[in-house]
Amino acid sequence: MEVYWFSGSAPSWRVLLTLELKGVAYTSKLIQAFKGEHKSPEYMALNPRGKVPTLRDGDLVLPESLAIMAYLDRKFPEPPLFGRSPEEAGRI
């Protein structure tokens, strides 16, 4: 599993925190925005919008933080990302 991200990107941090909470092994792929790496042909092939984060898990590529979080929460259900009860979800 690979995660492409920018330093300072709140959506990227959401995904990285989710991976850490879930204890999922991943490869961090820090994209250097100031070098234009997010517009490179290689990255644009993964995410045609040139945005971060992007998650690649085998053949699956997800380019949106909330979609990535939902995917990870279902693939790795423990611990649940948004708690077990409505009250826990609200506090989280």
Protein backbone atom coordinates (compact mmCIF):
# COMPACT_ATOMS: atom_id res chain seq x y z
CA MET A 1 0.00 0.00 0.00
CA GLU A 2 1.39 3.39 -1.00
CA VAL A 3 0.22 6.85 0.07
CA TYR A 4 1.17 9.93 -1.95
CA TRP A 5 0.95 13.16 0.03
CA PHE A 6 2.17 16.75 0.51
CA SER A 7 3.57 18.16 3.71
CA GLY A 8 1.04 20.64 5.11
CA SER A 9 -1.97 19.03 3.43
CA ALA A 10 -4.81 18.47 5.93
CA PRO A 11 -6.50 15.84 3.71
CA SER A 12 -3.18 13.98 3.53
CA TRP A 13 -2.81 14.12 7.30
CA ARG A 14 -6.31 12.62 7.69
CA VAL A 15 -5.26 9.61 5.64
CA LEU A 16 -1.89 9.24 7.36
CA LEU A 17 -3.55 9.41 10.79
CA THR A 18 -6.10 6.80 9.71
CA LEU A 19 -3.32 4.45 8.61
CA GLU A 20 -1.49 4.95 11.90
CA LEU A 21 -4.65 4.46 13.99
CA LYS A 22 -5.41 1.25 12.12
CA GLY A 23 -1.80 0.04 12.35
CA VAL A 24 -1.64 -0.55 8.61
CA ALA A 25 1.76 -0.97 6.96
CA TYR A 26 2.24 1.46 4.08
CA THR A 27 4.89 3.13 2.01
CA SER A 28 5.00 6.90 2.34
CA LYS A 29 5.45 8.77 -0.95
CA LEU A 30 6.08 12.43 -0.10
CA ILE A 31 5.36 14.58 -3.15
CA GLN A 32 7.40 17.78 -3.46
CA ALA A 33 4.85 20.33 -4.62
CA PHE A 34 7.45 23.07 -5.04
CA LYS A 35 9.20 20.83 -7.59
CA GLY A 36 5.93 20.22 -9.44
CA GLU A 37 6.04 16.48 -8.76
CA HIS A 38 2.24 16.42 -8.50
CA LYS A 39 2.10 17.39 -12.19
CA SER A 40 4.62 14.78 -13.38
CA PRO A 41 3.38 12.29 -15.98
CA GLU A 42 3.88 9.43 -13.48
CA TYR A 43 1.75 11.06 -10.80
CA MET A 44 -0.88 12.34 -13.24
CA ALA A 45 -1.31 8.73 -14.40
CA LEU A 46 -2.35 7.89 -10.82
CA ASN A 47 -4.38 11.00 -10.13
CA PRO A 48 -5.30 13.05 -13.22
CA ARG A 49 -6.33 15.98 -10.99
CA GLY A 50 -2.78 16.23 -9.62
CA LYS A 51 -4.07 16.45 -6.04
CA VAL A 52 -3.15 14.65 -2.83
CA PRO A 53 -3.62 12.35 -1.10
CA THR A 54 -3.71 9.32 -3.36
CA LEU A 55 -3.71 5.75 -2.10
CA ARG A 56 -2.60 2.80 -4.22
CA ASP A 57 -3.43 -0.66 -2.91
CA GLY A 58 -2.50 -3.16 -5.60
CA ASP A 59 -4.56 -2.27 -8.67
CA LEU A 60 -6.91 0.01 -6.70
CA VAL A 61 -6.14 3.74 -6.79
CA LEU A 62 -8.18 6.16 -4.68
CA PRO A 63 -7.60 9.92 -5.05
CA GLU A 64 -9.89 11.40 -2.35
CA SER A 65 -9.18 11.49 1.39
CA LEU A 66 -12.71 10.62 2.54
CA ALA A 67 -12.95 7.75 0.05
CA ILE A 68 -9.57 6.50 1.26
CA MET A 69 -10.66 6.70 4.90
CA ALA A 70 -13.91 4.81 4.15
CA TYR A 71 -11.97 2.16 2.22
CA LEU A 72 -9.45 1.70 5.03
CA ASP A 73 -12.18 1.55 7.69
CA ARG A 74 -13.91 -1.26 5.83
CA LYS A 75 -10.76 -3.14 4.88
CA PHE A 76 -9.36 -2.88 8.43
CA PRO A 77 -12.42 -2.67 10.70
CA GLU A 78 -10.53 -2.63 14.01
CA PRO A 79 -10.42 -0.21 15.61
CA PRO A 80 -13.43 1.47 14.02
CA LEU A 81 -12.50 4.91 12.77
CA PHE A 82 -15.66 6.61 14.00
CA GLY A 83 -16.35 4.57 17.12
CA ARG A 84 -19.03 2.01 17.87
CA SER A 85 -21.90 4.21 18.98
CA PRO A 86 -23.52 7.45 17.87
CA GLU A 87 -22.06 9.14 20.96
CA GLU A 88 -18.53 7.99 20.15
CA ALA A 89 -18.92 9.07 16.56
CA GLY A 90 -20.09 12.49 17.69
CA ARG A 91 -17.14 12.93 20.04
CA ILE A 92 -14.68 11.78 17.41
